[in-house]
C-alpha atoms as a PDB file:
ATOM      1  CA  MET A   1     -14.584 -13.451 -16.228  1.00  0.00           C
ATOM      2  CA  LYS A   2     -12.368 -12.634 -19.181  1.00  0.00           C
ATOM      3  CA  PHE A   3     -13.102  -8.914 -18.853  1.00  0.00           C
ATOM      4  CA  ALA A   4     -12.601  -9.007 -15.089  1.00  0.00           C
ATOM      5  CA  ARG A   5      -9.101 -10.442 -15.564  1.00  0.00           C
ATOM      6  CA  LYS A   6      -8.336  -7.817 -18.208  1.00  0.00           C
ATOM      7  CA  TYR A   7      -9.393  -4.994 -15.891  1.00  0.00           C
ATOM      8  CA  LEU A   8      -7.337  -6.536 -13.091  1.00  0.00           C
ATOM      9  CA  SER A   9      -4.271  -6.751 -15.322  1.00  0.00           C
ATOM     10  CA  LEU A  10      -4.731  -3.216 -16.606  1.00  0.00           C
ATOM     11  CA  GLY A  11      -5.137  -1.980 -13.030  1.00  0.00           C
ATOM     12  CA  GLU A  12      -1.864  -3.650 -12.097  1.00  0.00           C
ATOM     13  CA  ARG A  13      -0.108  -1.812 -14.920  1.00  0.00           C
ATOM     14  CA  PHE A  14      -1.482   1.543 -13.750  1.00  0.00           C
ATOM     15  CA  GLU A  15      -0.517   0.711 -10.173  1.00  0.00           C
ATOM     16  CA  GLU A  16       3.055  -0.073 -11.251  1.00  0.00           C
ATOM     17  CA  ARG A  17       3.233   3.402 -12.810  1.00  0.00           C
ATOM     18  CA  GLY A  18       1.960   5.025  -9.623  1.00  0.00           C
ATOM     19  CA  LYS A  19      -1.449   5.896 -11.054  1.00  0.00           C
ATOM     20  CA  TYR A  20      -3.344   4.646  -8.020  1.00  0.00           C
ATOM     21  CA  VAL A  21      -6.672   6.366  -8.610  1.00  0.00           C
ATOM     22  CA  LYS A  22      -6.983   4.866 -12.083  1.00  0.00           C
ATOM     23  CA  ALA A  23      -5.800   1.481 -10.799  1.00  0.00           C
ATOM     24  CA  GLU A  24      -8.413   1.531  -8.051  1.00  0.00           C
ATOM     25  CA  ARG A  25     -11.193   2.281 -10.525  1.00  0.00           C
ATOM     26  CA  LEU A  26     -10.114  -0.661 -12.656  1.00  0.00           C
ATOM     27  CA  TYR A  27      -9.860  -2.976  -9.629  1.00  0.00           C
ATOM     28  CA  VAL A  28     -13.361  -1.987  -8.521  1.00  0.00           C
ATOM     29  CA  ARG A  29     -14.695  -2.591 -12.020  1.00  0.00           C
ATOM     30  CA  ALA A  30     -12.961  -5.982 -12.181  1.00  0.00           C
ATOM     31  CA  LEU A  31     -14.293  -6.964  -8.758  1.00  0.00           C
ATOM     32  CA  ARG A  32     -17.844  -6.032  -9.688  1.00  0.00           C
ATOM     33  CA  LEU A  33     -17.618  -8.156 -12.816  1.00  0.00           C
ATOM     34  CA  ILE A  34     -16.246 -11.211 -11.013  1.00  0.00           C
ATOM     35  CA  GLU A  35     -18.672 -10.856  -8.091  1.00  0.00           C
ATOM     36  CA  GLY A  36     -21.571 -11.378 -10.469  1.00  0.00           C
ATOM     37  CA  LYS A  37     -20.162 -14.719 -11.542  1.00  0.00           C
ATOM     38  CA  VAL A  38     -18.906 -16.384  -8.341  1.00  0.00           C
ATOM     39  CA  ASP A  39     -19.980 -17.044  -4.768  1.00  0.00           C
ATOM     40  CA  ALA A  40     -19.217 -14.321  -2.196  1.00  0.00           C
ATOM     41  CA  THR A  41     -16.587 -16.568  -0.576  1.00  0.00           C
ATOM     42  CA  SER A  42     -15.038 -17.907  -3.781  1.00  0.00           C
ATOM     43  CA  GLU A  43     -11.265 -18.248  -3.915  1.00  0.00           C
ATOM     44  CA  GLU A  44     -11.436 -16.581  -7.324  1.00  0.00           C
ATOM     45  CA  LEU A  45     -12.024 -13.270  -5.516  1.00  0.00           C
ATOM     46  CA  ILE A  46      -8.617 -13.375  -3.820  1.00  0.00           C
ATOM     47  CA  PRO A  47      -6.528 -11.425  -6.371  1.00  0.00           C
ATOM     48  CA  TYR A  48      -9.276  -8.857  -6.874  1.00  0.00           C
ATOM     49  CA  LEU A  49      -9.770  -8.178  -3.162  1.00  0.00           C
ATOM     50  CA  TYR A  50      -6.036  -8.319  -2.502  1.00  0.00           C
ATOM     51  CA  ASN A  51      -5.149  -5.727  -5.140  1.00  0.00           C
ATOM     52  CA  LEU A  52      -8.068  -3.467  -4.281  1.00  0.00           C
ATOM     53  CA  GLY A  53      -7.322  -3.584  -0.550  1.00  0.00           C
ATOM     54  CA  TYR A  54      -3.682  -2.705  -1.064  1.00  0.00           C
ATOM     55  CA  ILE A  55      -4.374   0.148  -3.453  1.00  0.00           C
ATOM     56  CA  GLN A  56      -6.928   1.553  -0.993  1.00  0.00           C
ATOM     57  CA  ALA A  57      -4.376   1.283   1.820  1.00  0.00           C
ATOM     58  CA  ALA A  58      -1.721   2.965  -0.345  1.00  0.00           C
ATOM     59  CA  GLN A  59      -4.074   5.906  -0.778  1.00  0.00           C
ATOM     60  CA  ASP A  60      -4.797   6.023   2.971  1.00  0.00           C
ATOM     61  CA  ASP A  61      -8.428   5.049   2.411  1.00  0.00           C
ATOM     62  CA  ASN A  62      -8.354   3.098   5.642  1.00  0.00           C
ATOM     63  CA  SER A  63     -12.075   2.468   6.045  1.00  0.00           C
ATOM     64  CA  GLU A  64     -12.384   0.991   2.552  1.00  0.00           C
ATOM     65  CA  SER A  65      -9.199  -1.063   2.813  1.00  0.00           C
ATOM     66  CA  VAL A  66     -10.377  -2.509   6.138  1.00  0.00           C
ATOM     67  CA  LYS A  67     -13.674  -3.511   4.505  1.00  0.00           C
ATOM     68  CA  THR A  68     -11.898  -5.058   1.529  1.00  0.00           C
ATOM     69  CA  PHE A  69      -9.341  -6.934   3.631  1.00  0.00           C
ATOM     70  CA  GLY A  70     -12.174  -7.931   5.958  1.00  0.00           C
ATOM     71  CA  ARG A  71     -13.791  -9.700   3.003  1.00  0.00           C
ATOM     72  CA  LEU A  72     -10.486 -11.219   1.915  1.00  0.00           C
ATOM     73  CA  LEU A  73      -9.374 -12.653   5.256  1.00  0.00           C
ATOM     74  CA  PRO A  74     -12.148 -15.270   5.669  1.00  0.00           C
ATOM     75  CA  ILE A  75     -11.547 -16.503   2.118  1.00  0.00           C
ATOM     76  CA  LEU A  76      -7.833 -16.874   2.799  1.00  0.00           C
ATOM     77  CA  LEU A  77      -8.541 -18.615   6.101  1.00  0.00           C
ATOM     78  CA  LYS A  78     -10.871 -21.062   4.395  1.00  0.00           C
ATOM     79  CA  LYS A  79      -8.330 -21.779   1.668  1.00  0.00           C
ATOM     80  CA  HIS A  80      -5.103 -21.842   3.675  1.00  0.00           C
ATOM     81  CA  GLY A  81      -5.790 -21.988   7.422  1.00  0.00           C
ATOM     82  CA  GLN A  82      -4.590 -19.809  10.304  1.00  0.00           C
ATOM     83  CA  SER A  83      -0.829 -20.108   9.947  1.00  0.00           C
ATOM     84  CA  HIS A  84      -0.425 -19.480   6.226  1.00  0.00           C
ATOM     85  CA  ILE A  85       1.837 -16.577   5.235  1.00  0.00           C
ATOM     86  CA  ASP A  86      -0.922 -14.833   3.215  1.00  0.00           C
ATOM     87  CA  VAL A  87      -3.256 -14.903   6.215  1.00  0.00           C
ATOM     88  CA  GLN A  88      -0.531 -13.500   8.455  1.00  0.00           C
ATOM     89  CA  GLU A  89       0.289 -10.789   5.900  1.00  0.00           C
ATOM     90  CA  ILE A  90      -3.298  -9.532   5.749  1.00  0.00           C
ATOM     91  CA  ARG A  91      -3.592  -9.662   9.534  1.00  0.00           C
ATOM     92  CA  ASP A  92      -0.387  -7.632   9.838  1.00  0.00           C
ATOM     93  CA  VAL A  93      -1.674  -5.057   7.362  1.00  0.00           C
ATOM     94  CA  LEU A  94      -4.968  -4.823   9.219  1.00  0.00           C
ATOM     95  CA  ASP A  95      -3.064  -4.390  12.499  1.00  0.00           C
ATOM     96  CA  VAL A  96      -1.130  -1.450  11.006  1.00  0.00           C
ATOM     97  CA  ILE A  97      -4.268   0.169   9.600  1.00  0.00           C
ATOM     98  CA  HIS A  98      -6.141  -0.292  12.857  1.00  0.00           C
ATOM     99  CA  ALA A  99      -3.233   1.193  14.811  1.00  0.00           C
ATOM    100  CA  GLU A 100      -3.328   4.223  12.521  1.00  0.00           C
ATOM    101  CA  ILE A 101      -7.032   4.762  13.172  1.00  0.00           C
ATOM    102  CA  GLY A 102      -6.858   3.857  16.867  1.00  0.00           C
ATOM    103  CA  ILE A 103      -8.512   0.435  16.991  1.00  0.00           C
ATOM    104  CA  PRO A 104      -6.754  -2.244  19.086  1.00  0.00           C
ATOM    105  CA  SER A 105      -5.424  -5.187  17.074  1.00  0.00           C
ATOM    106  CA  GLN A 106      -7.260  -7.728  19.267  1.00  0.00           C
ATOM    107  CA  ALA A 107     -10.493  -6.455  17.731  1.00  0.00           C
ATOM    108  CA  ILE A 108      -9.604  -8.012  14.389  1.00  0.00           C
ATOM    109  CA  ASN A 109      -7.545 -11.021  15.391  1.00  0.00           C
ATOM    110  CA  SER A 110     -10.105 -12.738  17.565  1.00  0.00           C
END
């Protein structure tokens, strides 16, 4: 998990400099490393899925960001419940992405 955190941190630095492609590669690498060590619904996945989903959305990779946020949302729901701000944030982001690709928001919020 040490290397996964290092890749995550390095990805954040590249993202801050606007180097999204490099940041995404590092986030994917970090996620793959952490996935091998934790359960598929582990709360430890939250920062990895969160960062990856946002960087994918920033690059207009809507299908991948929807998949990533789709994995993140159930973990956040389990940890925080329906009304938590993080849950609402991801739902709002998914609503925007779905609107861009023409899918009604009720499809994801039910």
